[in-house]
Amino acid sequence: GNAFKGRVQVDLLDATGRLIRTVNRRSDTVTITGNDLPSGLYFLRAVS
C-alpha cells in the first residue's frame, strides 16, 4: 500500500518461524522466489 514509502524489508519465514531469506525493495511490489523450497505454509513479514 501507499504507506510503505522508501525501502521496505521483506522476510520469508517457514512455519516454525525460521528466517529463510530477506529481500529489500523500493518499488510498490517485490517478487519472492520459492522454487527451491519444500511445499507448505510460509510467512511474509514486511517492515517499513
ModelCIF file with pLDDT and N, C-alpha, C, O atoms, coordinates in Angstrom:
data_MODEL
#
_entry.id   MODEL 
#
_entity.id                         1 
_entity.type                       polymer 
_entity.pdbx_number_of_molecules   1 
#
_entity_poly.entity_id                      1 
_entity_poly.type                           'polypeptide(L)' 
_entity_poly.nstd_linkage                   no 
_entity_poly.nstd_monomer                   no 
_entity_poly.pdbx_seq_one_letter_code       GNAFKGRVQVDLLDATGRLIRTVNRRSDTVTITGNDLPSGLYFLRAVS 
_entity_poly.pdbx_seq_one_letter_code_can   GNAFKGRVQVDLLDATGRLIRTVNRRSDTVTITGNDLPSGLYFLRAVS 
_entity_poly.pdbx_strand_id                 A 
#
loop_
_entity_poly_seq.entity_id 
_entity_poly_seq.num 
_entity_poly_seq.mon_id 
_entity_poly_seq.hetero 
1 1  GLY n 
1 2  ASN n 
1 3  ALA n 
1 4  PHE n 
1 5  LYS n 
1 6  GLY n 
1 7  ARG n 
1 8  VAL n 
1 9  GLN n 
1 10 VAL n 
1 11 ASP n 
1 12 LEU n 
1 13 LEU n 
1 14 ASP n 
1 15 ALA n 
1 16 THR n 
1 17 GLY n 
1 18 ARG n 
1 19 LEU n 
1 20 ILE n 
1 21 ARG n 
1 22 THR n 
1 23 VAL n 
1 24 ASN n 
1 25 ARG n 
1 26 ARG n 
1 27 SER n 
1 28 ASP n 
1 29 THR n 
1 30 VAL n 
1 31 THR n 
1 32 ILE n 
1 33 THR n 
1 34 GLY n 
1 35 ASN n 
1 36 ASP n 
1 37 LEU n 
1 38 PRO n 
1 39 SER n 
1 40 GLY n 
1 41 LEU n 
1 42 TYR n 
1 43 PHE n 
1 44 LEU n 
1 45 ARG n 
1 46 ALA n 
1 47 VAL n 
1 48 SER n 
#
_struct_asym.id          A 
_struct_asym.entity_id   1 
#
loop_
_ma_qa_metric.id 
_ma_qa_metric.mode 
_ma_qa_metric.name 
_ma_qa_metric.software_group_id 
_ma_qa_metric.type 
1 global pLDDT . pLDDT 
2 local  pLDDT . pLDDT 
#
_ma_qa_metric_global.metric_id      1 
_ma_qa_metric_global.metric_value   84.23 
_ma_qa_metric_global.model_id       1 
_ma_qa_metric_global.ordinal_id     1 
#
loop_
_ma_qa_metric_local.label_asym_id 
_ma_qa_metric_local.label_comp_id 
_ma_qa_metric_local.label_seq_id 
_ma_qa_metric_local.metric_id 
_ma_qa_metric_local.metric_value 
_ma_qa_metric_local.model_id 
_ma_qa_metric_local.ordinal_id 
A GLY 1  2 81.00 1 1  
A ASN 2  2 80.00 1 2  
A ALA 3  2 78.00 1 3  
A PHE 4  2 81.00 1 4  
A LYS 5  2 76.00 1 5  
A GLY 6  2 78.00 1 6  
A ARG 7  2 84.00 1 7  
A VAL 8  2 87.00 1 8  
A GLN 9  2 88.00 1 9  
A VAL 10 2 89.00 1 10 
A ASP 11 2 89.00 1 11 
A LEU 12 2 90.00 1 12 
A LEU 13 2 86.00 1 13 
A ASP 14 2 84.00 1 14 
A ALA 15 2 77.00 1 15 
A THR 16 2 75.00 1 16 
A GLY 17 2 77.00 1 17 
A ARG 18 2 84.00 1 18 
A LEU 19 2 88.00 1 19 
A ILE 20 2 89.00 1 20 
A ARG 21 2 89.00 1 21 
A THR 22 2 90.00 1 22 
A VAL 23 2 88.00 1 23 
A ASN 24 2 86.00 1 24 
A ARG 25 2 80.00 1 25 
A ARG 26 2 75.00 1 26 
A SER 27 2 75.00 1 27 
A ASP 28 2 81.00 1 28 
A THR 29 2 83.00 1 29 
A VAL 30 2 85.00 1 30 
A THR 31 2 88.00 1 31 
A ILE 32 2 90.00 1 32 
A THR 33 2 87.00 1 33 
A GLY 34 2 85.00 1 34 
A ASN 35 2 84.00 1 35 
A ASP 36 2 86.00 1 36 
A LEU 37 2 88.00 1 37 
A PRO 38 2 87.00 1 38 
A SER 39 2 85.00 1 39 
A GLY 40 2 84.00 1 40 
A LEU 41 2 85.00 1 41 
A TYR 42 2 87.00 1 42 
A PHE 43 2 87.00 1 43 
A LEU 44 2 88.00 1 44 
A ARG 45 2 86.00 1 45 
A ALA 46 2 86.00 1 46 
A VAL 47 2 85.00 1 47 
A SER 48 2 82.00 1 48 
#
loop_
_atom_site.group_PDB 
_atom_site.id 
_atom_site.type_symbol 
_atom_site.label_atom_id 
_atom_site.label_alt_id 
_atom_site.label_comp_id 
_atom_site.label_asym_id 
_atom_site.label_entity_id 
_atom_site.label_seq_id 
_atom_site.pdbx_PDB_ins_code 
_atom_site.Cartn_x 
_atom_site.Cartn_y 
_atom_site.Cartn_z 
_atom_site.occupancy 
_atom_site.B_iso_or_equiv 
_atom_site.pdbx_formal_charge 
_atom_site.auth_seq_id 
_atom_site.auth_comp_id 
_atom_site.auth_asym_id 
_atom_site.auth_atom_id 
_atom_site.pdbx_PDB_model_num 
ATOM 1   N N  . GLY A 1 1  ? 0.819  -1.201  0.000  1.00 81.00 ? 1  GLY A N  1 
ATOM 2   C CA . GLY A 1 1  ? 0.000  0.000   0.000  1.00 81.00 ? 1  GLY A CA 1 
ATOM 3   C C  . GLY A 1 1  ? 0.856  1.256   0.000  1.00 81.00 ? 1  GLY A C  1 
ATOM 4   O O  . GLY A 1 1  ? 2.077  1.191   0.146  1.00 81.00 ? 1  GLY A O  1 
ATOM 5   N N  . ASN A 1 2  ? 0.195  2.415   -0.167 1.00 80.00 ? 2  ASN A N  1 
ATOM 6   C CA . ASN A 1 2  ? 0.912  3.684   -0.324 1.00 80.00 ? 2  ASN A CA 1 
ATOM 7   C C  . ASN A 1 2  ? 1.677  4.112   0.918  1.00 80.00 ? 2  ASN A C  1 
ATOM 8   O O  . ASN A 1 2  ? 2.586  4.937   0.825  1.00 80.00 ? 2  ASN A O  1 
ATOM 9   N N  . ALA A 1 3  ? 1.323  3.562   2.090  1.00 78.00 ? 3  ALA A N  1 
ATOM 10  C CA . ALA A 1 3  ? 2.008  3.971   3.318  1.00 78.00 ? 3  ALA A CA 1 
ATOM 11  C C  . ALA A 1 3  ? 3.424  3.421   3.393  1.00 78.00 ? 3  ALA A C  1 
ATOM 12  O O  . ALA A 1 3  ? 4.240  3.909   4.175  1.00 78.00 ? 3  ALA A O  1 
ATOM 13  N N  . PHE A 1 4  ? 3.723  2.405   2.580  1.00 81.00 ? 4  PHE A N  1 
ATOM 14  C CA . PHE A 1 4  ? 5.074  1.853   2.557  1.00 81.00 ? 4  PHE A CA 1 
ATOM 15  C C  . PHE A 1 4  ? 5.930  2.700   1.621  1.00 81.00 ? 4  PHE A C  1 
ATOM 16  O O  . PHE A 1 4  ? 5.985  2.448   0.417  1.00 81.00 ? 4  PHE A O  1 
ATOM 17  N N  . LYS A 1 5  ? 6.587  3.691   2.177  1.00 76.00 ? 5  LYS A N  1 
ATOM 18  C CA . LYS A 1 5  ? 7.441  4.588   1.404  1.00 76.00 ? 5  LYS A CA 1 
ATOM 19  C C  . LYS A 1 5  ? 8.896  4.185   1.554  1.00 76.00 ? 5  LYS A C  1 
ATOM 20  O O  . LYS A 1 5  ? 9.299  3.620   2.571  1.00 76.00 ? 5  LYS A O  1 
ATOM 21  N N  . GLY A 1 6  ? 9.677  4.483   0.528  1.00 78.00 ? 6  GLY A N  1 
ATOM 22  C CA . GLY A 1 6  ? 11.108 4.225   0.618  1.00 78.00 ? 6  GLY A CA 1 
ATOM 23  C C  . GLY A 1 6  ? 11.406 2.740   0.657  1.00 78.00 ? 6  GLY A C  1 
ATOM 24  O O  . GLY A 1 6  ? 10.717 1.942   0.022  1.00 78.00 ? 6  GLY A O  1 
ATOM 25  N N  . ARG A 1 7  ? 12.446 2.367   1.413  1.00 84.00 ? 7  ARG A N  1 
ATOM 26  C CA . ARG A 1 7  ? 12.904 0.988   1.450  1.00 84.00 ? 7  ARG A CA 1 
ATOM 27  C C  . ARG A 1 7  ? 12.022 0.153   2.367  1.00 84.00 ? 7  ARG A C  1 
ATOM 28  O O  . ARG A 1 7  ? 11.661 0.585   3.462  1.00 84.00 ? 7  ARG A O  1 
ATOM 29  N N  . VAL A 1 8  ? 11.683 -1.039  1.913  1.00 87.00 ? 8  VAL A N  1 
ATOM 30  C CA . VAL A 1 8  ? 10.904 -1.987  2.701  1.00 87.00 ? 8  VAL A CA 1 
ATOM 31  C C  . VAL A 1 8  ? 11.661 -3.308  2.742  1.00 87.00 ? 8  VAL A C  1 
ATOM 32  O O  . VAL A 1 8  ? 12.115 -3.805  1.712  1.00 87.00 ? 8  VAL A O  1 
ATOM 33  N N  . GLN A 1 9  ? 11.793 -3.869  3.936  1.00 88.00 ? 9  GLN A N  1 
ATOM 34  C CA . GLN A 1 9  ? 12.429 -5.174  4.094  1.00 88.00 ? 9  GLN A CA 1 
ATOM 35  C C  . GLN A 1 9  ? 11.342 -6.235  4.170  1.00 88.00 ? 9  GLN A C  1 
ATOM 36  O O  . GLN A 1 9  ? 10.400 -6.111  4.953  1.00 88.00 ? 9  GLN A O  1 
ATOM 37  N N  . VAL A 1 10 ? 11.471 -7.282  3.355  1.00 89.00 ? 10 VAL A N  1 
ATOM 38  C CA . VAL A 1 10 ? 10.520 -8.383  3.357  1.00 89.00 ? 10 VAL A CA 1 
ATOM 39  C C  . VAL A 1 10 ? 11.243 -9.658  3.765  1.00 89.00 ? 10 VAL A C  1 
ATOM 40  O O  . VAL A 1 10 ? 12.185 -10.087 3.098  1.00 89.00 ? 10 VAL A O  1 
ATOM 41  N N  . ASP A 1 11 ? 10.800 -10.260 4.862  1.00 89.00 ? 11 ASP A N  1 
ATOM 42  C CA . ASP A 1 11 ? 11.385 -11.509 5.357  1.00 89.00 ? 11 ASP A CA 1 
ATOM 43  C C  . ASP A 1 11 ? 10.467 -12.672 5.013  1.00 89.00 ? 11 ASP A C  1 
ATOM 44  O O  . ASP A 1 11 ? 9.251  -12.577 5.181  1.00 89.00 ? 11 ASP A O  1 
ATOM 45  N N  . LEU A 1 12 ? 11.038 -13.759 4.538  1.00 90.00 ? 12 LEU A N  1 
ATOM 46  C CA . LEU A 1 12 ? 10.308 -15.002 4.307  1.00 90.00 ? 12 LEU A CA 1 
ATOM 47  C C  . LEU A 1 12 ? 10.684 -15.980 5.406  1.00 90.00 ? 12 LEU A C  1 
ATOM 48  O O  . LEU A 1 12 ? 11.862 -16.281 5.598  1.00 90.00 ? 12 LEU A O  1 
ATOM 49  N N  . LEU A 1 13 ? 9.673  -16.483 6.137  1.00 86.00 ? 13 LEU A N  1 
ATOM 50  C CA . LEU A 1 13 ? 9.899  -17.397 7.243  1.00 86.00 ? 13 LEU A CA 1 
ATOM 51  C C  . LEU A 1 13 ? 9.136  -18.694 6.990  1.00 86.00 ? 13 LEU A C  1 
ATOM 52  O O  . LEU A 1 13 ? 8.091  -18.689 6.340  1.00 86.00 ? 13 LEU A O  1 
ATOM 53  N N  . ASP A 1 14 ? 9.665  -19.808 7.508  1.00 84.00 ? 14 ASP A N  1 
ATOM 54  C CA . ASP A 1 14 ? 8.929  -21.057 7.385  1.00 84.00 ? 14 ASP A CA 1 
ATOM 55  C C  . ASP A 1 14 ? 7.905  -21.169 8.514  1.00 84.00 ? 14 ASP A C  1 
ATOM 56  O O  . ASP A 1 14 ? 7.768  -20.248 9.319  1.00 84.00 ? 14 ASP A O  1 
ATOM 57  N N  . ALA A 1 15 ? 7.189  -22.288 8.576  1.00 77.00 ? 15 ALA A N  1 
ATOM 58  C CA . ALA A 1 15 ? 6.093  -22.431 9.532  1.00 77.00 ? 15 ALA A CA 1 
ATOM 59  C C  . ALA A 1 15 ? 6.566  -22.462 10.980 1.00 77.00 ? 15 ALA A C  1 
ATOM 60  O O  . ALA A 1 15 ? 5.761  -22.278 11.892 1.00 77.00 ? 15 ALA A O  1 
ATOM 61  N N  . THR A 1 16 ? 7.867  -22.694 11.208 1.00 75.00 ? 16 THR A N  1 
ATOM 62  C CA . THR A 1 16 ? 8.400  -22.692 12.572 1.00 75.00 ? 16 THR A CA 1 
ATOM 63  C C  . THR A 1 16 ? 8.932  -21.325 12.982 1.00 75.00 ? 16 THR A C  1 
ATOM 64  O O  . THR A 1 16 ? 9.348  -21.140 14.125 1.00 75.00 ? 16 THR A O  1 
ATOM 65  N N  . GLY A 1 17 ? 8.921  -20.359 12.055 1.00 77.00 ? 17 GLY A N  1 
ATOM 66  C CA . GLY A 1 17 ? 9.436  -19.032 12.348 1.00 77.00 ? 17 GLY A CA 1 
ATOM 67  C C  . GLY A 1 17 ? 10.883 -18.833 11.969 1.00 77.00 ? 17 GLY A C  1 
ATOM 68  O O  . GLY A 1 17 ? 11.463 -17.788 12.264 1.00 77.00 ? 17 GLY A O  1 
ATOM 69  N N  . ARG A 1 18 ? 11.484 -19.829 11.314 1.00 84.00 ? 18 ARG A N  1 
ATOM 70  C CA . ARG A 1 18 ? 12.890 -19.718 10.904 1.00 84.00 ? 18 ARG A CA 1 
ATOM 71  C C  . ARG A 1 18 ? 12.995 -18.829 9.666  1.00 84.00 ? 18 ARG A C  1 
ATOM 72  O O  . ARG A 1 18 ? 12.250 -19.005 8.702  1.00 84.00 ? 18 ARG A O  1 
ATOM 73  N N  . LEU A 1 19 ? 13.924 -17.874 9.701  1.00 88.00 ? 19 LEU A N  1 
ATOM 74  C CA . LEU A 1 19 ? 14.128 -16.963 8.585  1.00 88.00 ? 19 LEU A CA 1 
ATOM 75  C C  . LEU A 1 19 ? 14.750 -17.701 7.408  1.00 88.00 ? 19 LEU A C  1 
ATOM 76  O O  . LEU A 1 19 ? 15.807 -18.317 7.541  1.00 88.00 ? 19 LEU A O  1 
ATOM 77  N N  . ILE A 1 20 ? 14.084 -17.635 6.242  1.00 89.00 ? 20 ILE A N  1 
ATOM 78  C CA . ILE A 1 20 ? 14.570 -18.301 5.030  1.00 89.00 ? 20 ILE A CA 1 
ATOM 79  C C  . ILE A 1 20 ? 15.396 -17.333 4.190  1.00 89.00 ? 20 ILE A C  1 
ATOM 80  O O  . ILE A 1 20 ? 16.517 -17.650 3.794  1.00 89.00 ? 20 ILE A O  1 
ATOM 81  N N  . ARG A 1 21 ? 14.836 -16.147 3.917  1.00 89.00 ? 21 ARG A N  1 
ATOM 82  C CA . ARG A 1 21 ? 15.558 -15.149 3.143  1.00 89.00 ? 21 ARG A CA 1 
ATOM 83  C C  . ARG A 1 21 ? 14.953 -13.781 3.390  1.00 89.00 ? 21 ARG A C  1 
ATOM 84  O O  . ARG A 1 21 ? 13.836 -13.654 3.893  1.00 89.00 ? 21 ARG A O  1 
ATOM 85  N N  . THR A 1 22 ? 15.724 -12.749 3.022  1.00 90.00 ? 22 THR A N  1 
ATOM 86  C CA . THR A 1 22 ? 15.298 -11.362 3.161  1.00 90.00 ? 22 THR A CA 1 
ATOM 87  C C  . THR A 1 22 ? 15.492 -10.654 1.831  1.00 90.00 ? 22 THR A C  1 
ATOM 88  O O  . THR A 1 22 ? 16.514 -10.818 1.164  1.00 90.00 ? 22 THR A O  1 
ATOM 89  N N  . VAL A 1 23 ? 14.482 -9.856  1.454  1.00 88.00 ? 23 VAL A N  1 
ATOM 90  C CA . VAL A 1 23 ? 14.540 -9.084  0.218  1.00 88.00 ? 23 VAL A CA 1 
ATOM 91  C C  . VAL A 1 23 ? 14.236 -7.635  0.544  1.00 88.00 ? 23 VAL A C  1 
ATOM 92  O O  . VAL A 1 23 ? 13.331 -7.356  1.331  1.00 88.00 ? 23 VAL A O  1 
ATOM 93  N N  . ASN A 1 24 ? 14.976 -6.709  -0.048 1.00 86.00 ? 24 ASN A N  1 
ATOM 94  C CA . ASN A 1 24 ? 14.717 -5.288  0.134  1.00 86.00 ? 24 ASN A CA 1 
ATOM 95  C C  . ASN A 1 24 ? 14.230 -4.693  -1.188 1.00 86.00 ? 24 ASN A C  1 
ATOM 96  O O  . ASN A 1 24 ? 14.681 -5.091  -2.262 1.00 86.00 ? 24 ASN A O  1 
ATOM 97  N N  . ARG A 1 25 ? 13.302 -3.734  -1.094 1.00 80.00 ? 25 ARG A N  1 
ATOM 98  C CA . ARG A 1 25 ? 12.779 -3.124  -2.321 1.00 80.00 ? 25 ARG A CA 1 
ATOM 99  C C  . ARG A 1 25 ? 12.512 -1.634  -2.112 1.00 80.00 ? 25 ARG A C  1 
ATOM 100 O O  . ARG A 1 25 ? 12.421 -1.147  -0.985 1.00 80.00 ? 25 ARG A O  1 
ATOM 101 N N  . ARG A 1 26 ? 12.387 -0.919  -3.257 1.00 75.00 ? 26 ARG A N  1 
ATOM 102 C CA . ARG A 1 26 ? 11.998 0.489   -3.247 1.00 75.00 ? 26 ARG A CA 1 
ATOM 103 C C  . ARG A 1 26 ? 10.849 0.751   -4.218 1.00 75.00 ? 26 ARG A C  1 
ATOM 104 O O  . ARG A 1 26 ? 10.510 1.909   -4.462 1.00 75.00 ? 26 ARG A O  1 
ATOM 105 N N  . SER A 1 27 ? 10.243 -0.294  -4.777 1.00 75.00 ? 27 SER A N  1 
ATOM 106 C CA . SER A 1 27 ? 9.084  -0.147  -5.650 1.00 75.00 ? 27 SER A CA 1 
ATOM 107 C C  . SER A 1 27 ? 7.838  -0.596  -4.889 1.00 75.00 ? 27 SER A C  1 
ATOM 108 O O  . SER A 1 27 ? 7.918  -0.917  -3.703 1.00 75.00 ? 27 SER A O  1 
ATOM 109 N N  . ASP A 1 28 ? 6.667  -0.619  -5.576 1.00 81.00 ? 28 ASP A N  1 
ATOM 110 C CA . ASP A 1 28 ? 5.437  -0.993  -4.883 1.00 81.00 ? 28 ASP A CA 1 
ATOM 111 C C  . ASP A 1 28 ? 5.172  -2.490  -4.921 1.00 81.00 ? 28 ASP A C  1 
ATOM 112 O O  . ASP A 1 28 ? 4.146  -2.945  -4.418 1.00 81.00 ? 28 ASP A O  1 
ATOM 113 N N  . THR A 1 29 ? 6.087  -3.271  -5.515 1.00 83.00 ? 29 THR A N  1 
ATOM 114 C CA . THR A 1 29 ? 5.971  -4.727  -5.497 1.00 83.00 ? 29 THR A CA 1 
ATOM 115 C C  . THR A 1 29 ? 7.345  -5.351  -5.322 1.00 83.00 ? 29 THR A C  1 
ATOM 116 O O  . THR A 1 29 ? 8.371  -4.719  -5.574 1.00 83.00 ? 29 THR A O  1 
ATOM 117 N N  . VAL A 1 30 ? 7.343  -6.597  -4.887 1.00 85.00 ? 30 VAL A N  1 
ATOM 118 C CA . VAL A 1 30 ? 8.577  -7.369  -4.819 1.00 85.00 ? 30 VAL A CA 1 
ATOM 119 C C  . VAL A 1 30 ? 8.220  -8.819  -5.094 1.00 85.00 ? 30 VAL A C  1 
ATOM 120 O O  . VAL A 1 30 ? 7.166  -9.294  -4.671 1.00 85.00 ? 30 VAL A O  1 
ATOM 121 N N  . THR A 1 31 ? 9.102  -9.530  -5.807 1.00 88.00 ? 31 THR A N  1 
ATOM 122 C CA . THR A 1 31 ? 8.884  -10.932 -6.123 1.00 88.00 ? 31 THR A CA 1 
ATOM 123 C C  . THR A 1 31 ? 9.688  -11.809 -5.174 1.00 88.00 ? 31 THR A C  1 
ATOM 124 O O  . THR A 1 31 ? 10.881 -11.587 -4.965 1.00 88.00 ? 31 THR A O  1 
ATOM 125 N N  . ILE A 1 32 ? 9.018  -12.813 -4.599 1.00 90.00 ? 32 ILE A N  1 
ATOM 126 C CA . ILE A 1 32 ? 9.661  -13.753 -3.694 1.00 90.00 ? 32 ILE A CA 1 
ATOM 127 C C  . ILE A 1 32 ? 9.688  -15.109 -4.380 1.00 90.00 ? 32 ILE A C  1 
ATOM 128 O O  . ILE A 1 32 ? 8.643  -15.638 -4.761 1.00 90.00 ? 32 ILE A O  1 
ATOM 129 N N  . THR A 1 33 ? 10.880 -15.673 -4.537 1.00 87.00 ? 33 THR A N  1 
ATOM 130 C CA . THR A 1 33 ? 11.003 -16.978 -5.177 1.00 87.00 ? 33 THR A CA 1 
ATOM 131 C C  . THR A 1 33 ? 10.924 -18.091 -4.130 1.00 87.00 ? 33 THR A C  1 
ATOM 132 O O  . THR A 1 33 ? 11.445 -17.973 -3.021 1.00 87.00 ? 33 THR A O  1 
ATOM 133 N N  . GLY A 1 34 ? 10.253 -19.176 -4.526 1.00 85.00 ? 34 GLY A N  1 
ATOM 134 C CA . GLY A 1 34 ? 10.129 -20.309 -3.613 1.00 85.00 ? 34 GLY A CA 1 
ATOM 135 C C  . GLY A 1 34 ? 10.320 -21.642 -4.304 1.00 85.00 ? 34 GLY A C  1 
ATOM 136 O O  . GLY A 1 34 ? 9.965  -22.683 -3.751 1.00 85.00 ? 34 GLY A O  1 
ATOM 137 N N  . ASN A 1 35 ? 10.890 -21.623 -5.538 1.00 84.00 ? 35 ASN A N  1 
ATOM 138 C CA . ASN A 1 35 ? 11.016 -22.875 -6.270 1.00 84.00 ? 35 ASN A CA 1 
ATOM 139 C C  . ASN A 1 35 ? 12.069 -23.808 -5.686 1.00 84.00 ? 35 ASN A C  1 
ATOM 140 O O  . ASN A 1 35 ? 12.169 -24.959 -6.109 1.00 84.00 ? 35 ASN A O  1 
ATOM 141 N N  . ASP A 1 36 ? 12.852 -23.337 -4.726 1.00 86.00 ? 36 ASP A N  1 
ATOM 142 C CA . ASP A 1 36 ? 13.834 -24.187 -4.065 1.00 86.00 ? 36 ASP A CA 1 
ATOM 143 C C  . ASP A 1 36 ? 13.352 -24.663 -2.701 1.00 86.00 ? 36 ASP A C  1 
ATOM 144 O O  . ASP A 1 36 ? 14.106 -25.285 -1.953 1.00 86.00 ? 36 ASP A O  1 
ATOM 145 N N  . LEU A 1 37 ? 12.091 -24.369 -2.378 1.00 88.00 ? 37 LEU A N  1 
ATOM 146 C CA . LEU A 1 37 ? 11.570 -24.670 -1.046 1.00 88.00 ? 37 LEU A CA 1 
ATOM 147 C C  . LEU A 1 37 ? 10.637 -25.875 -1.077 1.00 88.00 ? 37 LEU A C  1 
ATOM 148 O O  . LEU A 1 37 ? 9.988  -26.123 -2.093 1.00 88.00 ? 37 LEU A O  1 
ATOM 149 N N  . PRO A 1 38 ? 10.558 -26.631 0.022  1.00 87.00 ? 38 PRO A N  1 
ATOM 150 C CA . PRO A 1 38 ? 9.551  -27.695 0.107  1.00 87.00 ? 38 PRO A CA 1 
ATOM 151 C C  . PRO A 1 38 ? 8.147  -27.088 0.083  1.00 87.00 ? 38 PRO A C  1 
ATOM 152 O O  . PRO A 1 38 ? 7.950  -25.953 0.516  1.00 87.00 ? 38 PRO A O  1 
ATOM 153 N N  . SER A 1 39 ? 7.176  -27.846 -0.422 1.00 85.00 ? 39 SER A N  1 
ATOM 154 C CA . SER A 1 39 ? 5.792  -27.378 -0.410 1.00 85.00 ? 39 SER A CA 1 
ATOM 155 C C  . SER A 1 39 ? 5.333  -27.168 1.030  1.00 85.00 ? 39 SER A C  1 
ATOM 156 O O  . SER A 1 39 ? 5.711  -27.913 1.935  1.00 85.00 ? 39 SER A O  1 
ATOM 157 N N  . GLY A 1 40 ? 4.507  -26.135 1.221  1.00 84.00 ? 40 GLY A N  1 
ATOM 158 C CA . GLY A 1 40 ? 3.987  -25.897 2.557  1.00 84.00 ? 40 GLY A CA 1 
ATOM 159 C C  . GLY A 1 40 ? 3.650  -24.451 2.814  1.00 84.00 ? 40 GLY A C  1 
ATOM 160 O O  . GLY A 1 40 ? 3.663  -23.617 1.909  1.00 84.00 ? 40 GLY A O  1 
ATOM 161 N N  . LEU A 1 41 ? 3.348  -24.171 4.064  1.00 85.00 ? 41 LEU A N  1 
ATOM 162 C CA . LEU A 1 41 ? 2.933  -22.850 4.519  1.00 85.00 ? 41 LEU A CA 1 
ATOM 163 C C  . LEU A 1 41 ? 4.148  -22.030 4.937  1.00 85.00 ? 41 LEU A C  1 
ATOM 164 O O  . LEU A 1 41 ? 5.012  -22.518 5.665  1.00 85.00 ? 41 LEU A O  1 
ATOM 165 N N  . TYR A 1 42 ? 4.212  -20.767 4.468  1.00 87.00 ? 42 TYR A N  1 
ATOM 166 C CA . TYR A 1 42 ? 5.281  -19.842 4.827  1.00 87.00 ? 42 TYR A CA 1 
ATOM 167 C C  . TYR A 1 42 ? 4.664  -18.495 5.215  1.00 87.00 ? 42 TYR A C  1 
ATOM 168 O O  . TYR A 1 42 ? 3.478  -18.248 4.993  1.00 87.00 ? 42 TYR A O  1 
ATOM 169 N N  . PHE A 1 43 ? 5.492  -17.642 5.795  1.00 87.00 ? 43 PHE A N  1 
ATOM 170 C CA . PHE A 1 43 ? 5.032  -16.341 6.244  1.00 87.00 ? 43 PHE A CA 1 
ATOM 171 C C  . PHE A 1 43 ? 5.912  -15.248 5.658  1.00 87.00 ? 43 PHE A C  1 
ATOM 172 O O  . PHE A 1 43 ? 7.128  -15.403 5.543  1.00 87.00 ? 43 PHE A O  1 
ATOM 173 N N  . LEU A 1 44 ? 5.279  -14.144 5.293  1.00 88.00 ? 44 LEU A N  1 
ATOM 174 C CA . LEU A 1 44 ? 5.977  -12.961 4.800  1.00 88.00 ? 44 LEU A CA 1 
ATOM 175 C C  . LEU A 1 44 ? 5.806  -11.835 5.803  1.00 88.00 ? 44 LEU A C  1 
ATOM 176 O O  . LEU A 1 44 ? 4.694  -11.575 6.261  1.00 88.00 ? 44 LEU A O  1 
ATOM 177 N N  . ARG A 1 45 ? 6.882  -11.176 6.141  1.00 86.00 ? 45 ARG A N  1 
ATOM 178 C CA . ARG A 1 45 ? 6.853  -10.057 7.089  1.00 86.00 ? 45 ARG A CA 1 
ATOM 179 C C  . ARG A 1 45 ? 7.454  -8.843  6.399  1.00 86.00 ? 45 ARG A C  1 
ATOM 180 O O  . ARG A 1 45 ? 8.630  -8.845  6.035  1.00 86.00 ? 45 ARG A O  1 
ATOM 181 N N  . ALA A 1 46 ? 6.633  -7.794  6.220  1.00 86.00 ? 46 ALA A N  1 
ATOM 182 C CA . ALA A 1 46 ? 7.082  -6.563  5.573  1.00 86.00 ? 46 ALA A CA 1 
ATOM 183 C C  . ALA A 1 46 ? 7.302  -5.495  6.637  1.00 86.00 ? 46 ALA A C  1 
ATOM 184 O O  . ALA A 1 46 ? 6.418  -5.231  7.453  1.00 86.00 ? 46 ALA A O  1 
ATOM 185 N N  . VAL A 1 47 ? 8.476  -4.886  6.627  1.00 85.00 ? 47 VAL A N  1 
ATOM 186 C CA . VAL A 1 47 ? 8.841  -3.873  7.613  1.00 85.00 ? 47 VAL A CA 1 
ATOM 187 C C  . VAL A 1 47 ? 9.268  -2.613  6.879  1.00 85.00 ? 47 VAL A C  1 
ATOM 188 O O  . VAL A 1 47 ? 10.225 -2.636  6.105  1.00 85.00 ? 47 VAL A O  1 
ATOM 189 N N  . SER A 1 48 ? 8.553  -1.504  7.120  1.00 82.00 ? 48 SER A N  1 
ATOM 190 C CA . SER A 1 48 ? 8.919  -0.226  6.509  1.00 82.00 ? 48 SER A CA 1 
ATOM 191 C C  . SER A 1 48 ? 10.161 0.317   7.199  1.00 82.00 ? 48 SER A C  1 
ATOM 192 O O  . SER A 1 48 ? 10.646 1.390   6.842  1.00 82.00 ? 48 SER A O  1 
#
